[in-house]
PDB file of N, CA and C in Angstrom:
ATOM      1  N   MET A   1     -38.498  22.728  44.695  1.00  0.00           N
ATOM      2  CA  MET A   1     -37.335  22.890  43.850  1.00  0.00           C
ATOM      3  C   MET A   1     -36.056  22.836  44.688  1.00  0.00           C
ATOM      4  N   ILE A   2     -36.085  23.476  45.856  1.00  0.00           N
ATOM      5  CA  ILE A   2     -34.883  23.499  46.689  1.00  0.00           C
ATOM      6  C   ILE A   2     -34.598  22.109  47.261  1.00  0.00           C
ATOM      7  N   ILE A   3     -35.662  21.346  47.515  1.00  0.00           N
ATOM      8  CA  ILE A   3     -35.487  19.982  48.025  1.00  0.00           C
ATOM      9  C   ILE A   3     -34.769  19.129  46.985  1.00  0.00           C
ATOM     10  N   ARG A   4     -35.138  19.304  45.728  1.00  0.00           N
ATOM     11  CA  ARG A   4     -34.502  18.539  44.660  1.00  0.00           C
ATOM     12  C   ARG A   4     -33.027  18.907  44.519  1.00  0.00           C
ATOM     13  N   ALA A   5     -32.703  20.193  44.683  1.00  0.00           N
ATOM     14  CA  ALA A   5     -31.312  20.630  44.592  1.00  0.00           C
ATOM     15  C   ALA A   5     -30.491  20.041  45.745  1.00  0.00           C
ATOM     16  N   ILE A   6     -31.059  20.041  46.936  1.00  0.00           N
ATOM     17  CA  ILE A   6     -30.361  19.463  48.088  1.00  0.00           C
ATOM     18  C   ILE A   6     -30.178  17.969  47.910  1.00  0.00           C
ATOM     19  N   LEU A   7     -31.220  17.295  47.420  1.00  0.00           N
ATOM     20  CA  LEU A   7     -31.130  15.856  47.158  1.00  0.00           C
ATOM     21  C   LEU A   7     -30.068  15.558  46.109  1.00  0.00           C
ATOM     22  N   PHE A   8     -29.989  16.398  45.083  1.00  0.00           N
ATOM     23  CA  PHE A   8     -28.965  16.233  44.049  1.00  0.00           C
ATOM     24  C   PHE A   8     -27.561  16.391  44.630  1.00  0.00           C
ATOM     25  N   LEU A   9     -27.368  17.406  45.449  1.00  0.00           N
ATOM     26  CA  LEU A   9     -26.040  17.654  46.022  1.00  0.00           C
ATOM     27  C   LEU A   9     -25.628  16.547  46.993  1.00  0.00           C
ATOM     28  N   ILE A  10     -26.565  16.048  47.767  1.00  0.00           N
ATOM     29  CA  ILE A  10     -26.262  14.926  48.664  1.00  0.00           C
ATOM     30  C   ILE A  10     -25.894  13.696  47.843  1.00  0.00           C
ATOM     31  N   GLY A  11     -26.656  13.434  46.789  1.00  0.00           N
ATOM     32  CA  GLY A  11     -26.358  12.306  45.913  1.00  0.00           C
ATOM     33  C   GLY A  11     -25.010  12.456  45.239  1.00  0.00           C
ATOM     34  N   PHE A  12     -24.687  13.664  44.832  1.00  0.00           N
ATOM     35  CA  PHE A  12     -23.385  13.911  44.206  1.00  0.00           C
ATOM     36  C   PHE A  12     -22.253  13.631  45.191  1.00  0.00           C
ATOM     37  N   GLY A  13     -22.412  14.088  46.420  1.00  0.00           N
ATOM     38  CA  GLY A  13     -21.380  13.845  47.432  1.00  0.00           C
ATOM     39  C   GLY A  13     -21.204  12.366  47.732  1.00  0.00           C
ATOM     40  N   LEU A  14     -22.307  11.643  47.847  1.00  0.00           N
ATOM     41  CA  LEU A  14     -22.214  10.206  48.101  1.00  0.00           C
ATOM     42  C   LEU A  14     -21.580   9.470  46.928  1.00  0.00           C
ATOM     43  N   THR A  15     -21.924   9.880  45.714  1.00  0.00           N
ATOM     44  CA  THR A  15     -21.354   9.253  44.533  1.00  0.00           C
ATOM     45  C   THR A  15     -19.854   9.489  44.456  1.00  0.00           C
ATOM     46  N   VAL A  16     -19.429  10.690  44.759  1.00  0.00           N
ATOM     47  CA  VAL A  16     -17.993  10.993  44.731  1.00  0.00           C
ATOM     48  C   VAL A  16     -17.256  10.184  45.793  1.00  0.00           C
ATOM     49  N   ALA A  17     -17.806  10.115  46.991  1.00  0.00           N
ATOM     50  CA  ALA A  17     -17.152   9.364  48.069  1.00  0.00           C
ATOM     51  C   ALA A  17     -17.044   7.881  47.715  1.00  0.00           C
ATOM     52  N   GLY A  18     -18.113   7.308  47.200  1.00  0.00           N
ATOM     53  CA  GLY A  18     -18.080   5.898  46.818  1.00  0.00           C
ATOM     54  C   GLY A  18     -17.189   5.638  45.623  1.00  0.00           C
ATOM     55  N   GLY A  19     -17.196   6.556  44.661  1.00  0.00           N
ATOM     56  CA  GLY A  19     -16.353   6.401  43.478  1.00  0.00           C
ATOM     57  C   GLY A  19     -14.864   6.497  43.806  1.00  0.00           C
ATOM     58  N   VAL A  20     -14.515   7.395  44.714  1.00  0.00           N
ATOM     59  CA  VAL A  20     -13.111   7.508  45.130  1.00  0.00           C
ATOM     60  C   VAL A  20     -12.664   6.225  45.828  1.00  0.00           C
ATOM     61  N   SER A  21     -13.544   5.651  46.620  1.00  0.00           N
ATOM     62  CA  SER A  21     -13.204   4.386  47.282  1.00  0.00           C
ATOM     63  C   SER A  21     -13.002   3.269  46.262  1.00  0.00           C
ATOM     64  N   LEU A  22     -13.902   3.194  45.284  1.00  0.00           N
ATOM     65  CA  LEU A  22     -13.773   2.158  44.263  1.00  0.00           C
ATOM     66  C   LEU A  22     -12.494   2.331  43.453  1.00  0.00           C
ATOM     67  N   ILE A  23     -12.145   3.557  43.139  1.00  0.00           N
ATOM     68  CA  ILE A  23     -10.913   3.808  42.397  1.00  0.00           C
ATOM     69  C   ILE A  23      -9.700   3.491  43.252  1.00  0.00           C
ATOM     70  N   GLY A  24      -9.762   3.831  44.531  1.00  0.00           N
ATOM     71  CA  GLY A  24      -8.645   3.526  45.430  1.00  0.00           C
ATOM     72  C   GLY A  24      -8.407   2.036  45.575  1.00  0.00           C
ATOM     73  N   TYR A  25      -9.484   1.278  45.581  1.00  0.00           N
ATOM     74  CA  TYR A  25      -9.346  -0.171  45.712  1.00  0.00           C
ATOM     75  C   TYR A  25      -8.873  -0.840  44.428  1.00  0.00           C
ATOM     76  N   LEU A  26      -8.776  -0.083  43.335  1.00  0.00           N
ATOM     77  CA  LEU A  26      -8.218  -0.644  42.100  1.00  0.00           C
ATOM     78  C   LEU A  26      -6.744  -1.023  42.275  1.00  0.00           C
ATOM     79  N   ASN A  27      -6.121  -0.526  43.327  1.00  0.00           N
ATOM     80  CA  ASN A  27      -4.737  -0.915  43.605  1.00  0.00           C
ATOM     81  C   ASN A  27      -4.617  -2.408  43.902  1.00  0.00           C
ATOM     82  N   LEU A  28      -5.718  -3.039  44.253  1.00  0.00           N
ATOM     83  CA  LEU A  28      -5.684  -4.484  44.465  1.00  0.00           C
ATOM     84  C   LEU A  28      -5.309  -5.217  43.178  1.00  0.00           C
ATOM     85  N   LEU A  29      -5.714  -4.659  42.039  1.00  0.00           N
ATOM     86  CA  LEU A  29      -5.367  -5.286  40.764  1.00  0.00           C
ATOM     87  C   LEU A  29      -3.874  -5.174  40.489  1.00  0.00           C
ATOM     88  N   ALA A  30      -3.277  -4.064  40.903  1.00  0.00           N
ATOM     89  CA  ALA A  30      -1.840  -3.886  40.706  1.00  0.00           C
ATOM     90  C   ALA A  30      -1.021  -4.809  41.610  1.00  0.00           C
ATOM     91  N   MET A  31      -1.629  -5.257  42.703  1.00  0.00           N
ATOM     92  CA  MET A  31      -0.922  -6.161  43.613  1.00  0.00           C
ATOM     93  C   MET A  31      -1.037  -7.617  43.193  1.00  0.00           C
ATOM     94  N   GLY A  32      -1.714  -7.861  42.070  1.00  0.00           N
ATOM     95  CA  GLY A  32      -1.765  -9.222  41.553  1.00  0.00           C
ATOM     96  C   GLY A  32      -3.077  -9.947  41.770  1.00  0.00           C
ATOM     97  N   ASN A  33      -4.058  -9.289  42.340  1.00  0.00           N
ATOM     98  CA  ASN A  33      -5.368  -9.920  42.522  1.00  0.00           C
ATOM     99  C   ASN A  33      -6.141  -9.900  41.208  1.00  0.00           C
ATOM    100  N   SER A  34      -7.084 -10.808  41.075  1.00  0.00           N
ATOM    101  CA  SER A  34      -7.909 -10.841  39.865  1.00  0.00           C
ATOM    102  C   SER A  34      -9.055  -9.847  39.995  1.00  0.00           C
ATOM    103  N   PHE A  35      -9.760  -9.655  38.878  1.00  0.00           N
ATOM    104  CA  PHE A  35     -10.895  -8.736  38.889  1.00  0.00           C
ATOM    105  C   PHE A  35     -12.013  -9.268  39.785  1.00  0.00           C
ATOM    106  N   LEU A  36     -12.178 -10.567  39.823  1.00  0.00           N
ATOM    107  CA  LEU A  36     -13.189 -11.149  40.719  1.00  0.00           C
ATOM    108  C   LEU A  36     -12.838 -10.910  42.184  1.00  0.00           C
ATOM    109  N   ASP A  37     -11.558 -10.972  42.515  1.00  0.00           N
ATOM    110  CA  ASP A  37     -11.127 -10.647  43.884  1.00  0.00           C
ATOM    111  C   ASP A  37     -11.458  -9.187  44.221  1.00  0.00           C
ATOM    112  N   TYR A  38     -11.243  -8.308  43.239  1.00  0.00           N
ATOM    113  CA  TYR A  38     -11.547  -6.891  43.428  1.00  0.00           C
ATOM    114  C   TYR A  38     -13.043  -6.689  43.680  1.00  0.00           C
ATOM    115  N   ILE A  39     -13.879  -7.331  42.867  1.00  0.00           N
ATOM    116  CA  ILE A  39     -15.329  -7.196  43.015  1.00  0.00           C
ATOM    117  C   ILE A  39     -15.788  -7.758  44.362  1.00  0.00           C
ATOM    118  N   SER A  40     -15.281  -8.922  44.727  1.00  0.00           N
ATOM    119  CA  SER A  40     -15.704  -9.520  45.997  1.00  0.00           C
ATOM    120  C   SER A  40     -15.231  -8.682  47.192  1.00  0.00           C
ATOM    121  N   PHE A  41     -14.081  -8.036  47.076  1.00  0.00           N
ATOM    122  CA  PHE A  41     -13.608  -7.164  48.147  1.00  0.00           C
ATOM    123  C   PHE A  41     -14.469  -5.902  48.225  1.00  0.00           C
ATOM    124  N   ALA A  42     -14.782  -5.318  47.062  1.00  0.00           N
ATOM    125  CA  ALA A  42     -15.554  -4.073  47.050  1.00  0.00           C
ATOM    126  C   ALA A  42     -16.970  -4.292  47.553  1.00  0.00           C
ATOM    127  N   VAL A  43     -17.538  -5.453  47.306  1.00  0.00           N
ATOM    128  CA  VAL A  43     -18.901  -5.731  47.767  1.00  0.00           C
ATOM    129  C   VAL A  43     -18.952  -5.807  49.289  1.00  0.00           C
ATOM    130  N   LYS A  44     -17.859  -6.196  49.902  1.00  0.00           N
ATOM    131  CA  LYS A  44     -17.820  -6.331  51.364  1.00  0.00           C
ATOM    132  C   LYS A  44     -17.554  -5.016  52.083  1.00  0.00           C
ATOM    133  N   ARG A  45     -17.144  -3.982  51.352  1.00  0.00           N
ATOM    134  CA  ARG A  45     -16.807  -2.702  51.969  1.00  0.00           C
ATOM    135  C   ARG A  45     -18.024  -1.781  51.994  1.00  0.00           C
ATOM    136  N   PRO A  46     -18.404  -1.274  53.174  1.00  0.00           N
ATOM    137  CA  PRO A  46     -19.618  -0.441  53.244  1.00  0.00           C
ATOM    138  C   PRO A  46     -19.486   0.887  52.504  1.00  0.00           C
ATOM    139  N   GLU A  47     -18.286   1.447  52.398  1.00  0.00           N
ATOM    140  CA  GLU A  47     -18.157   2.740  51.720  1.00  0.00           C
ATOM    141  C   GLU A  47     -18.350   2.628  50.218  1.00  0.00           C
ATOM    142  N   CYS A  48     -18.246   1.437  49.677  1.00  0.00           N
ATOM    143  CA  CYS A  48     -18.479   1.260  48.242  1.00  0.00           C
ATOM    144  C   CYS A  48     -19.966   1.279  47.912  1.00  0.00           C
ATOM    145  N   TYR A  49     -20.818   1.093  48.902  1.00  0.00           N
ATOM    146  CA  TYR A  49     -22.259   1.172  48.677  1.00  0.00           C
ATOM    147  C   TYR A  49     -22.733   2.612  48.526  1.00  0.00           C
ATOM    148  N   LEU A  50     -21.883   3.567  48.858  1.00  0.00           N
ATOM    149  CA  LEU A  50     -22.256   4.972  48.702  1.00  0.00           C
ATOM    150  C   LEU A  50     -22.427   5.348  47.240  1.00  0.00           C
ATOM    151  N   PHE A  51     -21.674   4.706  46.344  1.00  0.00           N
ATOM    152  CA  PHE A  51     -21.751   5.019  44.925  1.00  0.00           C
ATOM    153  C   PHE A  51     -23.145   4.745  44.353  1.00  0.00           C
ATOM    154  N   PRO A  52     -23.683   3.527  44.472  1.00  0.00           N
ATOM    155  CA  PRO A  52     -25.024   3.313  43.900  1.00  0.00           C
ATOM    156  C   PRO A  52     -26.129   4.079  44.646  1.00  0.00           C
ATOM    157  N   ILE A  53     -25.955   4.294  45.945  1.00  0.00           N
ATOM    158  CA  ILE A  53     -26.953   5.069  46.691  1.00  0.00           C
ATOM    159  C   ILE A  53     -26.963   6.518  46.192  1.00  0.00           C
ATOM    160  N   GLY A  54     -25.784   7.066  45.950  1.00  0.00           N
ATOM    161  CA  GLY A  54     -25.691   8.426  45.413  1.00  0.00           C
ATOM    162  C   GLY A  54     -26.290   8.534  44.025  1.00  0.00           C
ATOM    163  N   ILE A  55     -26.072   7.518  43.192  1.00  0.00           N
ATOM    164  CA  ILE A  55     -26.665   7.513  41.853  1.00  0.00           C
ATOM    165  C   ILE A  55     -28.193   7.509  41.956  1.00  0.00           C
ATOM    166  N   LEU A  56     -28.728   6.741  42.883  1.00  0.00           N
ATOM    167  CA  LEU A  56     -30.181   6.710  43.071  1.00  0.00           C
ATOM    168  C   LEU A  56     -30.714   8.064  43.551  1.00  0.00           C
ATOM    169  N   PHE A  57     -29.983   8.730  44.428  1.00  0.00           N
ATOM    170  CA  PHE A  57     -30.396  10.057  44.894  1.00  0.00           C
ATOM    171  C   PHE A  57     -30.416  11.047  43.727  1.00  0.00           C
ATOM    172  N   ILE A  58     -29.379  11.002  42.899  1.00  0.00           N
ATOM    173  CA  ILE A  58     -29.310  11.910  41.757  1.00  0.00           C
ATOM    174  C   ILE A  58     -30.451  11.632  40.786  1.00  0.00           C
ATOM    175  N   MET A  59     -30.687  10.371  40.497  1.00  0.00           N
ATOM    176  CA  MET A  59     -31.786  10.028  39.588  1.00  0.00           C
ATOM    177  C   MET A  59     -33.133  10.448  40.173  1.00  0.00           C
ATOM    178  N   GLY A  60     -33.301  10.265  41.471  1.00  0.00           N
ATOM    179  CA  GLY A  60     -34.540  10.672  42.116  1.00  0.00           C
ATOM    180  C   GLY A  60     -34.763  12.174  42.079  1.00  0.00           C
ATOM    181  N   SER A  61     -33.700  12.936  42.142  1.00  0.00           N
ATOM    182  CA  SER A  61     -33.854  14.388  42.094  1.00  0.00           C
ATOM    183  C   SER A  61     -34.104  14.891  40.677  1.00  0.00           C
ATOM    184  N   LEU A  62     -33.686  14.152  39.676  1.00  0.00           N
ATOM    185  CA  LEU A  62     -33.844  14.609  38.298  1.00  0.00           C
ATOM    186  C   LEU A  62     -35.143  14.155  37.645  1.00  0.00           C
ATOM    187  N   ILE A  63     -35.786  13.151  38.204  1.00  0.00           N
ATOM    188  CA  ILE A  63     -37.032  12.664  37.618  1.00  0.00           C
ATOM    189  C   ILE A  63     -38.148  13.652  37.945  1.00  0.00           C
ATOM    190  N   ASN A  64     -38.859  14.076  36.911  1.00  0.00           N
ATOM    191  CA  ASN A  64     -39.945  15.038  37.078  1.00  0.00           C
ATOM    192  C   ASN A  64     -41.222  14.283  37.434  1.00  0.00           C
ATOM    193  N   LYS A  65     -41.717  14.484  38.634  1.00  0.00           N
ATOM    194  CA  LYS A  65     -42.900  13.764  39.100  1.00  0.00           C
ATOM    195  C   LYS A  65     -44.197  14.464  38.713  1.00  0.00           C
ATOM    196  N   LYS A  66     -44.147  15.745  38.451  1.00  0.00           N
ATOM    197  CA  LYS A  66     -45.328  16.508  38.066  1.00  0.00           C
ATOM    198  C   LYS A  66     -45.174  16.963  36.618  1.00  0.00           C
ATOM    199  N   PRO A  67     -46.273  17.073  35.904  1.00  0.00           N
ATOM    200  CA  PRO A  67     -46.166  17.626  34.553  1.00  0.00           C
ATOM    201  C   PRO A  67     -45.755  19.092  34.610  1.00  0.00           C
ATOM    202  N   ASP A  68     -45.047  19.524  33.595  1.00  0.00           N
ATOM    203  CA  ASP A  68     -44.574  20.896  33.565  1.00  0.00           C
ATOM    204  C   ASP A  68     -45.761  21.851  33.390  1.00  0.00           C
ATOM    205  N   GLN A  69     -45.959  22.693  34.365  1.00  0.00           N
ATOM    206  CA  GLN A  69     -47.123  23.582  34.345  1.00  0.00           C
ATOM    207  C   GLN A  69     -46.876  24.832  33.530  1.00  0.00           C
ATOM    208  N   THR A  70     -45.649  25.103  33.157  1.00  0.00           N
ATOM    209  CA  THR A  70     -45.367  26.294  32.385  1.00  0.00           C
ATOM    210  C   THR A  70     -45.752  26.126  30.921  1.00  0.00           C
ATOM    211  N   LEU A  71     -45.890  24.890  30.455  1.00  0.00           N
ATOM    212  CA  LEU A  71     -46.215  24.649  29.055  1.00  0.00           C
ATOM    213  C   LEU A  71     -47.721  24.593  28.808  1.00  0.00           C
ATOM    214  N   ARG A  72     -48.517  24.609  29.855  1.00  0.00           N
ATOM    215  CA  ARG A  72     -49.970  24.554  29.690  1.00  0.00           C
ATOM    216  C   ARG A  72     -50.500  25.875  29.179  1.00  0.00           C
ATOM    217  N   GLU A  73     -51.404  25.756  28.241  1.00  0.00           N
ATOM    218  CA  GLU A  73     -52.079  26.952  27.768  1.00  0.00           C
ATOM    219  C   GLU A  73     -53.473  26.985  28.360  1.00  0.00           C
ATOM    220  N   GLU A  74     -53.842  28.110  28.891  1.00  0.00           N
ATOM    221  CA  GLU A  74     -55.163  28.227  29.525  1.00  0.00           C
ATOM    222  C   GLU A  74     -56.098  29.015  28.671  1.00  0.00           C
TER     223      GLU A  74
END
C-alpha cells in the first residue's frame, strides 16, 4: 500500500512538472507560431515527456492488481 502511495506521489510530481512546462511553452502561440510549431517544439523538449510518464505512474498506482480480499466471505 505504501509503495502505491509513493508511486502516486512521484507520478503527481512528474505530471505537474511536465504540465507546467507545456503551459509555459504556450507562449509560443502568443509570439505568432502555429499550433503545429508548438507541438513540434514540445516533442523535442525532454521536460515535456515528464507529463505522460507521470500519468502512467499515477495510472499504475491506481490499478488494482489483486482482487479485494475484504469483500470475500469465508
